[in-house]
C-alpha cells in the first residue's frame, strides 16, 4: 500500500511543476520513481542501504 502512496506523492510533487514541457515530464518521472522507491523502502520490501553501499 505505501508503495502506491509514495508513487502518488511523487507524481503530485512532479505535477506541481507541470508547466514546462519535456522538463515537466522528466520531473514527474524522477519524483514518481523517488516516491515509489521511498514507499517500497518504508514497506520493507527493499533495503536502500544495500542498494547504495559500495562493496
PDB file of N, CA and C in Angstrom:
ATOM      1  N   UNK A   1       0.808  -1.190   0.000  1.00  0.00           N
ATOM      2  CA  UNK A   1       0.000   0.000   0.000  1.00  0.00           C
ATOM      3  C   UNK A   1       0.858   1.263   0.000  1.00  0.00           C
ATOM      4  N   UNK A   2       1.900   1.289   0.821  1.00  0.00           N
ATOM      5  CA  UNK A   2       2.710   2.505   0.902  1.00  0.00           C
ATOM      6  C   UNK A   2       3.475   2.764  -0.379  1.00  0.00           C
ATOM      7  N   UNK A   3       3.715   1.717  -1.171  1.00  0.00           N
ATOM      8  CA  UNK A   3       4.371   1.923  -2.459  1.00  0.00           C
ATOM      9  C   UNK A   3       3.501   2.781  -3.365  1.00  0.00           C
ATOM     10  N   UNK A   4       2.208   2.512  -3.377  1.00  0.00           N
ATOM     11  CA  UNK A   4       1.281   3.284  -4.202  1.00  0.00           C
ATOM     12  C   UNK A   4       1.158   4.707  -3.673  1.00  0.00           C
ATOM     13  N   UNK A   5       1.105   4.863  -2.357  1.00  0.00           N
ATOM     14  CA  UNK A   5       1.038   6.201  -1.759  1.00  0.00           C
ATOM     15  C   UNK A   5       2.297   6.987  -2.102  1.00  0.00           C
ATOM     16  N   UNK A   6       3.449   6.341  -2.026  1.00  0.00           N
ATOM     17  CA  UNK A   6       4.699   7.013  -2.372  1.00  0.00           C
ATOM     18  C   UNK A   6       4.752   7.414  -3.832  1.00  0.00           C
ATOM     19  N   UNK A   7       4.266   6.539  -4.702  1.00  0.00           N
ATOM     20  CA  UNK A   7       4.221   6.856  -6.122  1.00  0.00           C
ATOM     21  C   UNK A   7       3.279   8.023  -6.387  1.00  0.00           C
ATOM     22  N   UNK A   8       2.114   8.027  -5.749  1.00  0.00           N
ATOM     23  CA  UNK A   8       1.155   9.121  -5.921  1.00  0.00           C
ATOM     24  C   UNK A   8       1.734  10.433  -5.397  1.00  0.00           C
ATOM     25  N   UNK A   9       2.412  10.380  -4.261  1.00  0.00           N
ATOM     26  CA  UNK A   9       3.016  11.584  -3.693  1.00  0.00           C
ATOM     27  C   UNK A   9       4.089  12.145  -4.623  1.00  0.00           C
ATOM     28  N   UNK A  10       4.916  11.282  -5.162  1.00  0.00           N
ATOM     29  CA  UNK A  10       5.936  11.733  -6.095  1.00  0.00           C
ATOM     30  C   UNK A  10       5.343  12.318  -7.365  1.00  0.00           C
ATOM     31  N   UNK A  11       4.270  11.715  -7.855  1.00  0.00           N
ATOM     32  CA  UNK A  11       3.615  12.235  -9.057  1.00  0.00           C
ATOM     33  C   UNK A  11       2.983  13.594  -8.801  1.00  0.00           C
ATOM     34  N   UNK A  12       2.381  13.771  -7.631  1.00  0.00           N
ATOM     35  CA  UNK A  12       1.781  15.067  -7.294  1.00  0.00           C
ATOM     36  C   UNK A  12       2.858  16.138  -7.181  1.00  0.00           C
ATOM     37  N   UNK A  13       3.981  15.807  -6.567  1.00  0.00           N
ATOM     38  CA  UNK A  13       5.076  16.771  -6.492  1.00  0.00           C
ATOM     39  C   UNK A  13       5.579  17.142  -7.885  1.00  0.00           C
ATOM     40  N   UNK A  14       5.685  16.152  -8.742  1.00  0.00           N
ATOM     41  CA  UNK A  14       6.130  16.434 -10.101  1.00  0.00           C
ATOM     42  C   UNK A  14       5.123  17.235 -10.895  1.00  0.00           C
ATOM     43  N   UNK A  15       3.834  16.944 -10.707  1.00  0.00           N
ATOM     44  CA  UNK A  15       2.798  17.676 -11.439  1.00  0.00           C
ATOM     45  C   UNK A  15       2.702  19.132 -11.009  1.00  0.00           C
ATOM     46  N   UNK A  16       3.180  19.440  -9.811  1.00  0.00           N
ATOM     47  CA  UNK A  16       3.155  20.842  -9.383  1.00  0.00           C
ATOM     48  C   UNK A  16       4.086  21.694 -10.246  1.00  0.00           C
ATOM     49  N   UNK A  17       5.051  21.086 -10.875  1.00  0.00           N
ATOM     50  CA  UNK A  17       5.922  21.801 -11.801  1.00  0.00           C
ATOM     51  C   UNK A  17       5.607  21.502 -13.248  1.00  0.00           C
ATOM     52  N   UNK A  18       4.366  21.240 -13.547  1.00  0.00           N
ATOM     53  CA  UNK A  18       3.927  20.748 -14.853  1.00  0.00           C
ATOM     54  C   UNK A  18       4.205  21.696 -16.019  1.00  0.00           C
ATOM     55  N   UNK A  19       4.091  22.982 -15.821  1.00  0.00           N
ATOM     56  CA  UNK A  19       4.112  23.921 -16.944  1.00  0.00           C
ATOM     57  C   UNK A  19       5.523  24.100 -17.487  1.00  0.00           C
ATOM     58  N   UNK A  20       6.076  23.055 -18.111  1.00  0.00           N
ATOM     59  CA  UNK A  20       7.423  23.170 -18.621  1.00  0.00           C
ATOM     60  C   UNK A  20       7.778  22.214 -19.749  1.00  0.00           C
ATOM     61  N   UNK A  21       6.823  21.505 -20.339  1.00  0.00           N
ATOM     62  CA  UNK A  21       7.106  20.614 -21.465  1.00  0.00           C
ATOM     63  C   UNK A  21       7.878  19.376 -21.060  1.00  0.00           C
ATOM     64  N   UNK A  22       8.992  19.113 -21.767  1.00  0.00           N
ATOM     65  CA  UNK A  22       9.786  17.914 -21.507  1.00  0.00           C
ATOM     66  C   UNK A  22      10.400  17.942 -20.116  1.00  0.00           C
ATOM     67  N   UNK A  23      10.759  19.133 -19.656  1.00  0.00           N
ATOM     68  CA  UNK A  23      11.317  19.252 -18.303  1.00  0.00           C
ATOM     69  C   UNK A  23      10.290  18.799 -17.268  1.00  0.00           C
ATOM     70  N   UNK A  24       9.024  19.122 -17.486  1.00  0.00           N
ATOM     71  CA  UNK A  24       7.970  18.689 -16.561  1.00  0.00           C
ATOM     72  C   UNK A  24       7.813  17.171 -16.604  1.00  0.00           C
ATOM     73  N   UNK A  25       7.877  16.583 -17.797  1.00  0.00           N
ATOM     74  CA  UNK A  25       7.797  15.127 -17.915  1.00  0.00           C
ATOM     75  C   UNK A  25       8.928  14.462 -17.136  1.00  0.00           C
ATOM     76  N   UNK A  26      10.137  14.981 -17.296  1.00  0.00           N
ATOM     77  CA  UNK A  26      11.291  14.434 -16.584  1.00  0.00           C
ATOM     78  C   UNK A  26      11.130  14.587 -15.084  1.00  0.00           C
ATOM     79  N   UNK A  27      10.619  15.737 -14.661  1.00  0.00           N
ATOM     80  CA  UNK A  27      10.405  15.986 -13.237  1.00  0.00           C
ATOM     81  C   UNK A  27       9.383  15.014 -12.659  1.00  0.00           C
ATOM     82  N   UNK A  28       8.295  14.796 -13.368  1.00  0.00           N
ATOM     83  CA  UNK A  28       7.275  13.845 -12.913  1.00  0.00           C
ATOM     84  C   UNK A  28       7.863  12.438 -12.837  1.00  0.00           C
ATOM     85  N   UNK A  29       8.641  12.059 -13.830  1.00  0.00           N
ATOM     86  CA  UNK A  29       9.256  10.738 -13.838  1.00  0.00           C
ATOM     87  C   UNK A  29      10.204  10.551 -12.655  1.00  0.00           C
ATOM     88  N   UNK A  30      11.043  11.536 -12.392  1.00  0.00           N
ATOM     89  CA  UNK A  30      12.002  11.433 -11.292  1.00  0.00           C
ATOM     90  C   UNK A  30      11.318  11.409  -9.934  1.00  0.00           C
ATOM     91  N   UNK A  31      10.363  12.320  -9.721  1.00  0.00           N
ATOM     92  CA  UNK A  31       9.665  12.342  -8.437  1.00  0.00           C
ATOM     93  C   UNK A  31       8.815  11.085  -8.246  1.00  0.00           C
ATOM     94  N   UNK A  32       8.223  10.588  -9.315  1.00  0.00           N
ATOM     95  CA  UNK A  32       7.441   9.359  -9.214  1.00  0.00           C
ATOM     96  C   UNK A  32       8.312   8.168  -8.845  1.00  0.00           C
ATOM     97  N   UNK A  33       9.476   8.063  -9.479  1.00  0.00           N
ATOM     98  CA  UNK A  33      10.394   6.965  -9.164  1.00  0.00           C
ATOM     99  C   UNK A  33      10.920   7.083  -7.739  1.00  0.00           C
ATOM    100  N   UNK A  34      11.259   8.301  -7.313  1.00  0.00           N
ATOM    101  CA  UNK A  34      11.750   8.502  -5.945  1.00  0.00           C
ATOM    102  C   UNK A  34      10.668   8.173  -4.926  1.00  0.00           C
ATOM    103  N   UNK A  35       9.450   8.578  -5.197  1.00  0.00           N
ATOM    104  CA  UNK A  35       8.349   8.270  -4.292  1.00  0.00           C
ATOM    105  C   UNK A  35       8.055   6.783  -4.231  1.00  0.00           C
ATOM    106  N   UNK A  36       8.145   6.120  -5.377  1.00  0.00           N
ATOM    107  CA  UNK A  36       7.923   4.676  -5.414  1.00  0.00           C
ATOM    108  C   UNK A  36       8.997   3.938  -4.615  1.00  0.00           C
ATOM    109  N   UNK A  37      10.256   4.330  -4.787  1.00  0.00           N
ATOM    110  CA  UNK A  37      11.340   3.702  -4.033  1.00  0.00           C
ATOM    111  C   UNK A  37      11.211   3.970  -2.542  1.00  0.00           C
ATOM    112  N   UNK A  38      10.828   5.190  -2.181  1.00  0.00           N
ATOM    113  CA  UNK A  38      10.646   5.511  -0.765  1.00  0.00           C
ATOM    114  C   UNK A  38       9.513   4.686  -0.166  1.00  0.00           C
ATOM    115  N   UNK A  39       8.447   4.507  -0.905  1.00  0.00           N
ATOM    116  CA  UNK A  39       7.334   3.693  -0.427  1.00  0.00           C
ATOM    117  C   UNK A  39       7.717   2.231  -0.266  1.00  0.00           C
ATOM    118  N   UNK A  40       8.480   1.706  -1.223  1.00  0.00           N
ATOM    119  CA  UNK A  40       8.934   0.309  -1.120  1.00  0.00           C
ATOM    120  C   UNK A  40       9.885   0.140   0.059  1.00  0.00           C
ATOM    121  N   UNK A  41      10.746   1.134   0.295  1.00  0.00           N
ATOM    122  CA  UNK A  41      11.667   1.064   1.432  1.00  0.00           C
ATOM    123  C   UNK A  41      10.894   1.137   2.742  1.00  0.00           C
ATOM    124  N   UNK A  42       9.870   1.960   2.797  1.00  0.00           N
ATOM    125  CA  UNK A  42       9.052   2.074   4.006  1.00  0.00           C
ATOM    126  C   UNK A  42       8.321   0.766   4.292  1.00  0.00           C
ATOM    127  N   UNK A  43       7.885   0.090   3.245  1.00  0.00           N
ATOM    128  CA  UNK A  43       7.225  -1.213   3.398  1.00  0.00           C
ATOM    129  C   UNK A  43       8.201  -2.299   3.822  1.00  0.00           C
ATOM    130  N   UNK A  44       9.482  -2.066   3.636  1.00  0.00           N
ATOM    131  CA  UNK A  44      10.485  -3.069   3.959  1.00  0.00           C
ATOM    132  C   UNK A  44      10.720  -4.057   2.840  1.00  0.00           C
ATOM    133  N   UNK A  45      10.219  -3.743   1.656  1.00  0.00           N
ATOM    134  CA  UNK A  45      10.378  -4.650   0.520  1.00  0.00           C
ATOM    135  C   UNK A  45      11.763  -4.537  -0.109  1.00  0.00           C
ATOM    136  N   UNK A  46      12.401  -3.380   0.044  1.00  0.00           N
ATOM    137  CA  UNK A  46      13.768  -3.207  -0.443  1.00  0.00           C
ATOM    138  C   UNK A  46      14.576  -2.518   0.643  1.00  0.00           C
ATOM    139  N   UNK A  47      15.881  -2.711   0.607  1.00  0.00           N
ATOM    140  CA  UNK A  47      16.772  -2.075   1.555  1.00  0.00           C
ATOM    141  C   UNK A  47      17.669  -1.119   0.779  1.00  0.00           C
ATOM    142  N   UNK A  48      17.438   0.186   0.947  1.00  0.00           N
ATOM    143  CA  UNK A  48      18.190   1.174   0.187  1.00  0.00           C
ATOM    144  C   UNK A  48      19.659   1.195   0.580  1.00  0.00           C
ATOM    145  N   UNK A  49      19.983   0.835   1.814  1.00  0.00           N
ATOM    146  CA  UNK A  49      21.382   0.801   2.241  1.00  0.00           C
ATOM    147  C   UNK A  49      22.167  -0.224   1.426  1.00  0.00           C
ATOM    148  N   UNK A  50      21.551  -1.356   1.133  1.00  0.00           N
ATOM    149  CA  UNK A  50      22.219  -2.369   0.311  1.00  0.00           C
ATOM    150  C   UNK A  50      22.365  -1.913  -1.135  1.00  0.00           C
ATOM    151  N   UNK A  51      21.420  -1.139  -1.612  1.00  0.00           N
ATOM    152  CA  UNK A  51      21.474  -0.678  -2.995  1.00  0.00           C
ATOM    153  C   UNK A  51      22.582   0.339  -3.218  1.00  0.00           C
ATOM    154  N   UNK A  52      22.829   1.206  -2.231  1.00  0.00           N
ATOM    155  CA  UNK A  52      23.763   2.308  -2.417  1.00  0.00           C
ATOM    156  C   UNK A  52      25.092   2.120  -1.696  1.00  0.00           C
ATOM    157  N   UNK A  53      25.318   0.967  -1.087  1.00  0.00           N
ATOM    158  CA  UNK A  53      26.591   0.735  -0.405  1.00  0.00           C
ATOM    159  C   UNK A  53      27.621   0.231  -1.408  1.00  0.00           C
ATOM    160  N   UNK A  54      28.854   0.615  -1.163  1.00  0.00           N
ATOM    161  CA  UNK A  54      29.948   0.165  -2.028  1.00  0.00           C
ATOM    162  C   UNK A  54      30.530  -1.114  -1.453  1.00  0.00           C
ATOM    163  N   UNK A  55      30.774  -2.057  -2.318  1.00  0.00           N
ATOM    164  CA  UNK A  55      31.322  -3.340  -1.850  1.00  0.00           C
ATOM    165  C   UNK A  55      32.703  -3.543  -2.376  1.00  0.00           C
TER     166      UNK A  55
END
